[in-house]
């Protein structure tokens, strides 16, 4: 929306300054050059977020395997650049600080990294450091060799479904008072 405004800004200013629109209004509020520059900087700083949002919304079947690589890419894009204005630097810092709070638990990381490793698009895990990459593949190999998955060995998903339903909806077998 801001980008579209910036594209149309000359026409909007010309319209606001025309005598037909002003009709006796002595002081018409318009944006200053600093305001326009700040808007341009905001559009520039938010472009990576727009690209990721567009990518996720265009996916017919977005998967969990996209989360870790996209999160890493956004964090990298939000890093300081000497060419950044003060406004862009502040926006990037705020976004990066927020992104760094997400997906920090070991279990979340393990799930996201495993999903990415199993996705052919990200099987090389280029967004991870070498030791993290090796650990993901080691864990994956061990799980595949043992034939077990996370949770209690020998239990199937069907066994857990009634427990999950009971937890979410309460005990449905007891009569309602």
N, C-alpha and C. Protein backbone atom coordinates (compact mmCIF):
# COMPACT_ATOMS: atom_id res chain seq x y z
N UNK A 1 0.83 -1.18 0.00
CA UNK A 1 0.00 0.00 0.00
C UNK A 1 0.88 1.26 0.00
N UNK A 2 1.91 1.26 0.81
CA UNK A 2 2.81 2.41 0.86
C UNK A 2 3.56 2.54 -0.46
N UNK A 3 3.97 1.39 -1.01
CA UNK A 3 4.67 1.40 -2.29
C UNK A 3 3.76 2.00 -3.37
N UNK A 4 2.52 1.62 -3.37
CA UNK A 4 1.56 2.14 -4.35
C UNK A 4 1.38 3.65 -4.16
N UNK A 5 1.32 4.09 -2.90
CA UNK A 5 1.22 5.53 -2.64
C UNK A 5 2.43 6.26 -3.20
N UNK A 6 3.62 5.71 -2.97
CA UNK A 6 4.84 6.36 -3.46
C UNK A 6 4.85 6.45 -4.98
N UNK A 7 4.32 5.42 -5.64
CA UNK A 7 4.23 5.46 -7.10
C UNK A 7 3.29 6.58 -7.57
N UNK A 8 2.23 6.79 -6.81
CA UNK A 8 1.22 7.77 -7.19
C UNK A 8 1.41 9.13 -6.53
N UNK A 9 2.45 9.27 -5.73
CA UNK A 9 2.66 10.48 -4.94
C UNK A 9 2.70 11.77 -5.76
N UNK A 10 3.37 11.82 -6.92
CA UNK A 10 3.35 13.07 -7.69
C UNK A 10 1.93 13.47 -8.12
N UNK A 11 1.15 12.50 -8.54
CA UNK A 11 -0.23 12.81 -8.95
C UNK A 11 -1.07 13.25 -7.76
N UNK A 12 -0.86 12.63 -6.60
CA UNK A 12 -1.61 13.00 -5.40
C UNK A 12 -1.26 14.43 -4.99
N UNK A 13 0.03 14.77 -5.01
CA UNK A 13 0.45 16.13 -4.65
C UNK A 13 -0.12 17.15 -5.63
N UNK A 14 -0.08 16.85 -6.90
CA UNK A 14 -0.62 17.77 -7.90
C UNK A 14 -2.10 17.99 -7.68
N UNK A 15 -2.80 16.93 -7.36
CA UNK A 15 -4.24 17.05 -7.11
C UNK A 15 -4.51 17.87 -5.86
N UNK A 16 -3.77 17.62 -4.81
CA UNK A 16 -3.97 18.36 -3.56
C UNK A 16 -3.64 19.84 -3.70
N UNK A 17 -2.73 20.18 -4.60
CA UNK A 17 -2.34 21.57 -4.78
C UNK A 17 -3.22 22.31 -5.79
N UNK A 18 -4.09 21.60 -6.48
CA UNK A 18 -4.93 22.27 -7.48
C UNK A 18 -5.98 23.15 -6.78
N UNK A 19 -6.27 24.31 -7.37
CA UNK A 19 -7.23 25.24 -6.75
C UNK A 19 -8.63 24.64 -6.61
N UNK A 20 -9.02 23.75 -7.50
CA UNK A 20 -10.36 23.14 -7.40
C UNK A 20 -10.53 22.30 -6.14
N UNK A 21 -9.46 21.64 -5.73
CA UNK A 21 -9.52 20.78 -4.55
C UNK A 21 -9.40 21.61 -3.28
N UNK A 22 -8.58 22.63 -3.32
CA UNK A 22 -8.32 23.42 -2.12
C UNK A 22 -9.53 24.23 -1.70
N UNK A 23 -10.24 24.85 -2.61
CA UNK A 23 -11.46 25.64 -2.36
C UNK A 23 -11.41 26.40 -1.05
N UNK A 24 -10.50 27.32 -0.98
CA UNK A 24 -10.44 28.20 0.18
C UNK A 24 -9.60 27.68 1.32
N UNK A 25 -9.16 26.46 1.24
CA UNK A 25 -8.31 25.89 2.28
C UNK A 25 -6.92 26.51 2.11
N UNK A 26 -6.48 27.26 3.08
CA UNK A 26 -5.20 27.97 2.97
C UNK A 26 -4.01 27.04 3.12
N UNK A 27 -4.10 26.13 4.05
CA UNK A 27 -2.96 25.25 4.31
C UNK A 27 -3.39 23.80 4.14
N UNK A 28 -2.98 23.20 3.05
CA UNK A 28 -3.30 21.80 2.78
C UNK A 28 -2.17 20.94 3.34
N UNK A 29 -2.51 19.97 4.16
CA UNK A 29 -1.50 19.08 4.75
C UNK A 29 -1.00 18.10 3.71
N UNK A 30 0.27 18.13 3.47
CA UNK A 30 0.90 17.18 2.56
C UNK A 30 2.14 16.62 3.25
N UNK A 31 2.68 15.58 2.68
CA UNK A 31 3.88 14.98 3.25
C UNK A 31 5.11 15.80 2.93
N UNK A 32 6.01 15.85 3.88
CA UNK A 32 7.27 16.53 3.66
C UNK A 32 8.21 15.59 2.90
N UNK A 33 9.31 16.13 2.44
CA UNK A 33 10.30 15.30 1.74
C UNK A 33 10.85 14.22 2.67
N UNK A 34 10.99 14.54 3.95
CA UNK A 34 11.46 13.55 4.93
C UNK A 34 10.45 12.42 5.08
N UNK A 35 9.16 12.77 5.10
CA UNK A 35 8.11 11.75 5.19
C UNK A 35 8.17 10.79 4.01
N UNK A 36 8.34 11.34 2.82
CA UNK A 36 8.41 10.52 1.61
C UNK A 36 9.66 9.64 1.65
N UNK A 37 10.78 10.18 2.07
CA UNK A 37 12.02 9.40 2.18
C UNK A 37 11.85 8.28 3.19
N UNK A 38 11.22 8.57 4.32
CA UNK A 38 10.98 7.53 5.34
C UNK A 38 10.07 6.43 4.79
N UNK A 39 9.06 6.81 4.04
CA UNK A 39 8.16 5.82 3.43
C UNK A 39 8.93 4.94 2.44
N UNK A 40 9.79 5.55 1.65
CA UNK A 40 10.62 4.79 0.70
C UNK A 40 11.54 3.83 1.44
N UNK A 41 12.12 4.29 2.54
CA UNK A 41 12.99 3.44 3.35
C UNK A 41 12.22 2.27 3.96
N UNK A 42 11.01 2.53 4.43
CA UNK A 42 10.18 1.47 5.01
C UNK A 42 9.86 0.41 3.96
N UNK A 43 9.53 0.83 2.76
CA UNK A 43 9.25 -0.11 1.67
C UNK A 43 10.49 -0.96 1.39
N UNK A 44 11.64 -0.32 1.34
CA UNK A 44 12.90 -1.02 1.06
C UNK A 44 13.22 -2.03 2.18
N UNK A 45 13.05 -1.63 3.41
CA UNK A 45 13.38 -2.50 4.55
C UNK A 45 12.42 -3.68 4.65
N UNK A 46 11.17 -3.48 4.27
CA UNK A 46 10.16 -4.54 4.41
C UNK A 46 10.06 -5.45 3.19
N UNK A 47 10.84 -5.17 2.14
CA UNK A 47 10.77 -5.97 0.93
C UNK A 47 11.04 -7.46 1.18
N UNK A 48 12.06 -7.85 1.97
CA UNK A 48 12.26 -9.28 2.23
C UNK A 48 11.05 -9.94 2.90
N UNK A 49 10.40 -9.23 3.80
CA UNK A 49 9.19 -9.76 4.45
C UNK A 49 8.08 -9.96 3.43
N UNK A 50 7.94 -9.00 2.52
CA UNK A 50 6.94 -9.11 1.46
C UNK A 50 7.23 -10.33 0.59
N UNK A 51 8.49 -10.52 0.23
CA UNK A 51 8.86 -11.64 -0.63
C UNK A 51 8.56 -12.98 0.03
N UNK A 52 8.87 -13.12 1.32
CA UNK A 52 8.60 -14.36 2.03
C UNK A 52 7.09 -14.58 2.15
N UNK A 53 6.36 -13.54 2.46
CA UNK A 53 4.90 -13.66 2.56
C UNK A 53 4.30 -14.09 1.22
N UNK A 54 4.78 -13.49 0.16
CA UNK A 54 4.30 -13.83 -1.18
C UNK A 54 4.63 -15.28 -1.52
N UNK A 55 5.85 -15.70 -1.20
CA UNK A 55 6.26 -17.08 -1.45
C UNK A 55 5.36 -18.07 -0.72
N UNK A 56 5.12 -17.82 0.56
CA UNK A 56 4.29 -18.72 1.36
C UNK A 56 2.84 -18.73 0.88
N UNK A 57 2.33 -17.59 0.48
CA UNK A 57 0.93 -17.54 0.05
C UNK A 57 0.74 -18.12 -1.35
N UNK A 58 1.79 -18.14 -2.16
CA UNK A 58 1.68 -18.71 -3.50
C UNK A 58 1.88 -20.22 -3.51
N UNK A 59 2.44 -20.77 -2.44
CA UNK A 59 2.63 -22.21 -2.36
C UNK A 59 1.26 -22.88 -2.29
N UNK A 60 1.08 -23.90 -3.12
CA UNK A 60 -0.19 -24.63 -3.08
C UNK A 60 -0.29 -25.46 -1.81
N UNK A 61 0.84 -26.00 -1.38
CA UNK A 61 0.90 -26.80 -0.16
C UNK A 61 2.12 -26.36 0.65
N UNK A 62 2.01 -25.24 1.36
CA UNK A 62 3.16 -24.82 2.17
C UNK A 62 3.44 -25.87 3.24
N UNK A 63 4.69 -26.14 3.47
CA UNK A 63 5.06 -27.17 4.43
C UNK A 63 5.95 -26.59 5.51
N UNK A 64 6.07 -27.35 6.58
CA UNK A 64 6.89 -26.93 7.70
C UNK A 64 8.37 -26.85 7.30
N UNK A 65 8.73 -27.55 6.24
CA UNK A 65 10.13 -27.55 5.80
C UNK A 65 10.59 -26.19 5.30
N UNK A 66 9.67 -25.30 4.99
CA UNK A 66 10.01 -23.96 4.53
C UNK A 66 10.37 -23.00 5.66
N UNK A 67 9.91 -23.28 6.85
CA UNK A 67 10.02 -22.32 7.95
C UNK A 67 11.47 -22.01 8.32
N UNK A 68 12.28 -23.03 8.57
CA UNK A 68 13.66 -22.79 9.00
C UNK A 68 14.49 -22.07 7.94
N UNK A 69 14.44 -22.50 6.66
CA UNK A 69 15.23 -21.76 5.67
C UNK A 69 14.77 -20.32 5.47
N UNK A 70 13.46 -20.10 5.48
CA UNK A 70 12.96 -18.74 5.30
C UNK A 70 13.28 -17.86 6.51
N UNK A 71 13.18 -18.43 7.70
CA UNK A 71 13.52 -17.68 8.91
C UNK A 71 15.00 -17.29 8.88
N UNK A 72 15.85 -18.22 8.50
CA UNK A 72 17.29 -17.94 8.41
C UNK A 72 17.57 -16.87 7.35
N UNK A 73 16.87 -16.96 6.23
CA UNK A 73 17.06 -15.97 5.16
C UNK A 73 16.62 -14.58 5.61
N UNK A 74 15.49 -14.51 6.31
CA UNK A 74 15.03 -13.21 6.81
C UNK A 74 16.02 -12.62 7.81
N UNK A 75 16.53 -13.44 8.71
CA UNK A 75 17.49 -12.95 9.69
C UNK A 75 18.73 -12.42 8.98
N UNK A 76 19.17 -13.14 7.96
CA UNK A 76 20.33 -12.69 7.19
C UNK A 76 20.02 -11.38 6.46
N UNK A 77 18.84 -11.26 5.87
CA UNK A 77 18.46 -10.04 5.16
C UNK A 77 18.31 -8.85 6.09
N UNK A 78 18.05 -9.09 7.36
CA UNK A 78 17.86 -8.01 8.32
C UNK A 78 19.16 -7.60 8.99
N UNK A 79 20.28 -8.12 8.52
CA UNK A 79 21.58 -7.74 9.07
C UNK A 79 21.96 -6.34 8.60
N UNK A 80 22.80 -5.71 9.39
CA UNK A 80 23.24 -4.34 9.11
C UNK A 80 24.01 -4.25 7.80
N UNK A 81 23.73 -3.20 7.06
CA UNK A 81 24.48 -2.89 5.84
C UNK A 81 24.92 -1.44 5.95
N UNK A 82 26.15 -1.11 5.58
CA UNK A 82 26.62 0.27 5.69
C UNK A 82 25.82 1.26 4.84
N UNK A 83 25.16 0.76 3.82
CA UNK A 83 24.36 1.64 2.96
C UNK A 83 23.00 1.98 3.57
N UNK A 84 22.61 1.30 4.64
CA UNK A 84 21.30 1.51 5.25
C UNK A 84 21.20 2.88 5.91
N UNK A 85 20.06 3.51 5.68
CA UNK A 85 19.78 4.76 6.40
C UNK A 85 19.42 4.42 7.84
N UNK A 86 19.31 5.44 8.67
CA UNK A 86 18.96 5.23 10.07
C UNK A 86 17.59 4.55 10.18
N UNK A 87 16.65 4.98 9.37
CA UNK A 87 15.29 4.41 9.38
C UNK A 87 15.32 2.93 9.02
N UNK A 88 16.03 2.59 7.96
CA UNK A 88 16.12 1.18 7.54
C UNK A 88 16.80 0.36 8.63
N UNK A 89 17.86 0.89 9.22
CA UNK A 89 18.58 0.21 10.29
C UNK A 89 17.64 -0.09 11.47
N UNK A 90 16.84 0.87 11.86
CA UNK A 90 15.90 0.68 12.98
C UNK A 90 14.84 -0.37 12.65
N UNK A 91 14.30 -0.34 11.45
CA UNK A 91 13.29 -1.32 11.04
C UNK A 91 13.90 -2.72 11.03
N UNK A 92 15.08 -2.84 10.43
CA UNK A 92 15.74 -4.14 10.37
C UNK A 92 16.05 -4.68 11.77
N UNK A 93 16.51 -3.82 12.66
CA UNK A 93 16.80 -4.25 14.04
C UNK A 93 15.55 -4.76 14.74
N UNK A 94 14.43 -4.06 14.57
CA UNK A 94 13.18 -4.48 15.21
C UNK A 94 12.71 -5.83 14.67
N UNK A 95 12.78 -6.00 13.36
CA UNK A 95 12.35 -7.26 12.75
C UNK A 95 13.28 -8.39 13.17
N UNK A 96 14.59 -8.15 13.13
CA UNK A 96 15.56 -9.18 13.48
C UNK A 96 15.40 -9.60 14.95
N UNK A 97 15.20 -8.63 15.83
CA UNK A 97 15.01 -8.94 17.25
C UNK A 97 13.78 -9.82 17.44
N UNK A 98 12.72 -9.54 16.70
CA UNK A 98 11.51 -10.35 16.81
C UNK A 98 11.74 -11.75 16.24
N UNK A 99 12.40 -11.85 15.11
CA UNK A 99 12.66 -13.16 14.49
C UNK A 99 13.56 -14.03 15.37
N UNK A 100 14.52 -13.42 16.04
CA UNK A 100 15.44 -14.19 16.88
C UNK A 100 14.75 -14.79 18.11
N UNK A 101 13.57 -14.29 18.47
CA UNK A 101 12.81 -14.83 19.60
C UNK A 101 12.04 -16.09 19.20
N UNK A 102 11.91 -16.34 17.92
CA UNK A 102 11.07 -17.43 17.43
C UNK A 102 11.88 -18.69 17.16
N UNK A 103 11.21 -19.83 17.36
CA UNK A 103 11.79 -21.15 17.05
C UNK A 103 13.12 -21.37 17.76
N UNK A 104 13.17 -21.07 19.04
CA UNK A 104 14.41 -21.20 19.80
C UNK A 104 14.53 -22.47 20.61
N UNK A 105 13.42 -23.13 20.91
CA UNK A 105 13.53 -24.34 21.73
C UNK A 105 14.17 -25.45 20.91
N UNK A 106 14.85 -26.34 21.60
CA UNK A 106 15.53 -27.44 20.91
C UNK A 106 14.55 -28.33 20.16
N UNK A 107 13.38 -28.56 20.74
CA UNK A 107 12.41 -29.43 20.06
C UNK A 107 11.88 -28.76 18.78
N UNK A 108 11.64 -27.46 18.82
CA UNK A 108 11.20 -26.75 17.61
C UNK A 108 12.27 -26.78 16.53
N UNK A 109 13.50 -26.52 16.94
CA UNK A 109 14.61 -26.55 15.98
C UNK A 109 14.76 -27.93 15.36
N UNK A 110 14.67 -28.96 16.20
CA UNK A 110 14.84 -30.33 15.71
C UNK A 110 13.76 -30.67 14.67
N UNK A 111 12.53 -30.31 14.96
CA UNK A 111 11.43 -30.59 14.03
C UNK A 111 11.62 -29.82 12.72
N UNK A 112 11.92 -28.54 12.83
CA UNK A 112 12.08 -27.72 11.62
C UNK A 112 13.27 -28.16 10.79
N UNK A 113 14.38 -28.46 11.44
CA UNK A 113 15.57 -28.87 10.71
C UNK A 113 15.39 -30.25 10.08
N UNK A 114 14.73 -31.15 10.80
CA UNK A 114 14.46 -32.48 10.24
C UNK A 114 13.55 -32.38 9.03
N UNK A 115 12.50 -31.58 9.15
CA UNK A 115 11.58 -31.40 8.02
C UNK A 115 12.31 -30.82 6.81
N UNK A 116 13.18 -29.87 7.04
CA UNK A 116 13.94 -29.28 5.93
C UNK A 116 14.91 -30.29 5.33
N UNK A 117 15.53 -31.11 6.17
CA UNK A 117 16.48 -32.11 5.67
C UNK A 117 15.77 -33.15 4.81
N UNK A 118 14.52 -33.44 5.12
CA UNK A 118 13.76 -34.43 4.36
C UNK A 118 13.15 -33.85 3.08
N UNK A 119 13.13 -32.55 2.96
CA UNK A 119 12.61 -31.88 1.77
C UNK A 119 13.74 -31.79 0.73
N UNK A 120 13.54 -32.33 -0.46
CA UNK A 120 14.61 -32.30 -1.47
C UNK A 120 15.11 -30.90 -1.81
N UNK A 121 14.28 -29.89 -1.64
CA UNK A 121 14.70 -28.52 -1.95
C UNK A 121 15.77 -28.02 -0.99
N UNK A 122 15.79 -28.54 0.23
CA UNK A 122 16.70 -28.02 1.25
C UNK A 122 17.59 -29.09 1.85
N UNK A 123 17.70 -30.25 1.19
CA UNK A 123 18.41 -31.39 1.79
C UNK A 123 19.85 -31.08 2.18
N UNK A 124 20.46 -30.11 1.53
CA UNK A 124 21.83 -29.73 1.91
C UNK A 124 21.89 -28.85 3.14
N UNK A 125 20.74 -28.39 3.62
CA UNK A 125 20.63 -27.52 4.80
C UNK A 125 21.63 -26.36 4.75
N UNK A 126 21.64 -25.59 3.68
CA UNK A 126 22.62 -24.51 3.53
C UNK A 126 22.46 -23.39 4.55
N UNK A 127 21.34 -23.34 5.22
CA UNK A 127 21.08 -22.27 6.18
C UNK A 127 21.64 -22.59 7.57
N UNK A 128 22.19 -23.80 7.74
CA UNK A 128 22.74 -24.20 9.04
C UNK A 128 24.27 -24.19 9.01
N UNK A 129 24.83 -24.06 10.20
CA UNK A 129 26.29 -24.20 10.33
C UNK A 129 26.63 -25.68 10.16
N UNK A 130 27.88 -25.94 9.84
CA UNK A 130 28.32 -27.31 9.55
C UNK A 130 28.02 -28.27 10.70
N UNK A 131 28.31 -27.87 11.95
CA UNK A 131 28.09 -28.79 13.08
C UNK A 131 26.59 -29.05 13.28
N UNK A 132 25.74 -28.04 13.06
CA UNK A 132 24.29 -28.25 13.17
C UNK A 132 23.80 -29.19 12.08
N UNK A 133 24.31 -29.00 10.89
CA UNK A 133 23.93 -29.85 9.75
C UNK A 133 24.30 -31.31 10.03
N UNK A 134 25.51 -31.54 10.52
CA UNK A 134 25.95 -32.90 10.82
C UNK A 134 25.10 -33.52 11.93
N UNK A 135 24.74 -32.73 12.92
CA UNK A 135 23.91 -33.23 14.02
C UNK A 135 22.52 -33.63 13.52
N UNK A 136 21.93 -32.84 12.63
CA UNK A 136 20.61 -33.16 12.08
C UNK A 136 20.68 -34.48 11.32
N UNK A 137 21.68 -34.65 10.47
CA UNK A 137 21.81 -35.88 9.70
C UNK A 137 22.13 -37.08 10.58
N UNK A 138 22.91 -36.87 11.63
CA UNK A 138 23.23 -37.96 12.57
C UNK A 138 21.95 -38.43 13.26
N UNK A 139 21.16 -37.48 13.76
CA UNK A 139 19.91 -37.82 14.45
C UNK A 139 18.95 -38.51 13.50
N UNK A 140 18.84 -37.98 12.28
CA UNK A 140 17.95 -38.58 11.29
C UNK A 140 18.38 -40.02 10.97
N UNK A 141 19.65 -40.23 10.81
CA UNK A 141 20.17 -41.56 10.50
C UNK A 141 19.91 -42.52 11.66
N UNK A 142 20.13 -42.07 12.88
CA UNK A 142 19.88 -42.91 14.06
C UNK A 142 18.41 -43.27 14.17
N UNK A 143 17.52 -42.31 13.95
CA UNK A 143 16.09 -42.59 14.03
C UNK A 143 15.65 -43.57 12.94
N UNK A 144 16.19 -43.39 11.75
CA UNK A 144 15.84 -44.29 10.66
C UNK A 144 16.36 -45.70 10.94
N UNK A 145 17.54 -45.81 11.51
CA UNK A 145 18.13 -47.12 11.81
C UNK A 145 17.38 -47.83 12.93
N UNK A 146 16.91 -47.08 13.90
CA UNK A 146 16.21 -47.70 15.04
C UNK A 146 14.76 -48.00 14.71
N UNK A 147 14.21 -47.34 13.70
CA UNK A 147 12.81 -47.58 13.32
C UNK A 147 11.82 -46.91 14.25
N UNK A 148 12.30 -46.08 15.14
CA UNK A 148 11.43 -45.40 16.08
C UNK A 148 11.31 -43.93 15.70
N UNK A 149 10.20 -43.35 16.13
CA UNK A 149 10.02 -41.92 15.98
C UNK A 149 9.87 -41.32 17.35
N UNK A 150 9.70 -40.02 17.38
CA UNK A 150 9.54 -39.32 18.65
C UNK A 150 8.31 -39.87 19.37
N UNK A 151 8.37 -39.98 20.66
CA UNK A 151 7.24 -40.46 21.43
C UNK A 151 7.54 -41.83 22.01
N UNK A 152 6.51 -42.53 22.47
CA UNK A 152 6.67 -43.83 23.09
C UNK A 152 6.84 -44.89 22.01
N UNK A 153 7.91 -45.72 22.07
CA UNK A 153 8.10 -46.77 21.08
C UNK A 153 6.94 -47.76 21.11
N UNK A 154 6.53 -48.19 19.93
CA UNK A 154 5.47 -49.18 19.84
C UNK A 154 4.07 -48.60 19.80
N UNK A 155 3.92 -47.34 20.08
CA UNK A 155 2.59 -46.72 20.02
C UNK A 155 2.38 -46.15 18.65
N UNK A 156 1.18 -46.26 18.17
CA UNK A 156 0.86 -45.71 16.85
C UNK A 156 0.07 -44.43 17.03
N UNK A 157 -0.09 -43.72 15.93
CA UNK A 157 -0.85 -42.47 15.96
C UNK A 157 -2.30 -42.74 16.34
N UNK A 158 -2.85 -43.88 15.89
CA UNK A 158 -4.24 -44.20 16.21
C UNK A 158 -4.42 -44.37 17.71
N UNK A 159 -3.39 -44.95 18.40
CA UNK A 159 -3.46 -45.12 19.85
C UNK A 159 -3.56 -43.79 20.57
N UNK A 160 -2.93 -42.75 20.02
CA UNK A 160 -2.89 -41.45 20.67
C UNK A 160 -4.11 -40.60 20.38
N UNK A 161 -4.83 -40.88 19.31
CA UNK A 161 -5.96 -40.05 18.91
C UNK A 161 -7.01 -39.92 20.00
N UNK A 162 -7.45 -41.01 20.66
CA UNK A 162 -8.45 -40.83 21.73
C UNK A 162 -7.94 -39.96 22.87
N UNK A 163 -6.65 -40.11 23.24
CA UNK A 163 -6.09 -39.29 24.31
C UNK A 163 -6.08 -37.81 23.92
N UNK A 164 -5.72 -37.53 22.70
CA UNK A 164 -5.69 -36.14 22.23
C UNK A 164 -7.09 -35.57 22.23
N UNK A 165 -8.05 -36.33 21.71
CA UNK A 165 -9.44 -35.86 21.66
C UNK A 165 -9.97 -35.62 23.07
N UNK A 166 -9.65 -36.53 24.00
CA UNK A 166 -10.10 -36.38 25.37
C UNK A 166 -9.50 -35.14 26.02
N UNK A 167 -8.23 -34.89 25.74
CA UNK A 167 -7.57 -33.72 26.29
C UNK A 167 -8.21 -32.44 25.77
N UNK A 168 -8.51 -32.43 24.47
CA UNK A 168 -9.07 -31.23 23.86
C UNK A 168 -10.53 -31.02 24.22
N UNK A 169 -11.32 -32.12 24.24
CA UNK A 169 -12.77 -31.97 24.39
C UNK A 169 -13.26 -32.43 25.74
N UNK A 170 -12.42 -33.00 26.56
CA UNK A 170 -12.85 -33.53 27.83
C UNK A 170 -13.33 -34.96 27.66
N UNK A 171 -13.70 -35.61 28.75
CA UNK A 171 -14.15 -37.00 28.69
C UNK A 171 -15.56 -37.03 28.14
N UNK A 172 -15.71 -37.58 26.92
CA UNK A 172 -17.02 -37.61 26.26
C UNK A 172 -17.81 -38.86 26.62
N UNK A 173 -17.24 -39.82 27.40
CA UNK A 173 -17.95 -41.05 27.72
C UNK A 173 -18.78 -40.90 28.98
N UNK A 174 -18.49 -39.93 29.82
CA UNK A 174 -19.25 -39.78 31.05
C UNK A 174 -20.51 -38.98 30.77
N UNK A 175 -21.62 -39.33 31.45
CA UNK A 175 -22.88 -38.62 31.23
C UNK A 175 -22.78 -37.17 31.67
N UNK A 176 -23.46 -36.30 30.95
CA UNK A 176 -23.46 -34.89 31.28
C UNK A 176 -24.45 -34.63 32.39
N UNK A 177 -24.09 -33.92 33.46
CA UNK A 177 -25.02 -33.69 34.59
C UNK A 177 -26.16 -32.80 34.23
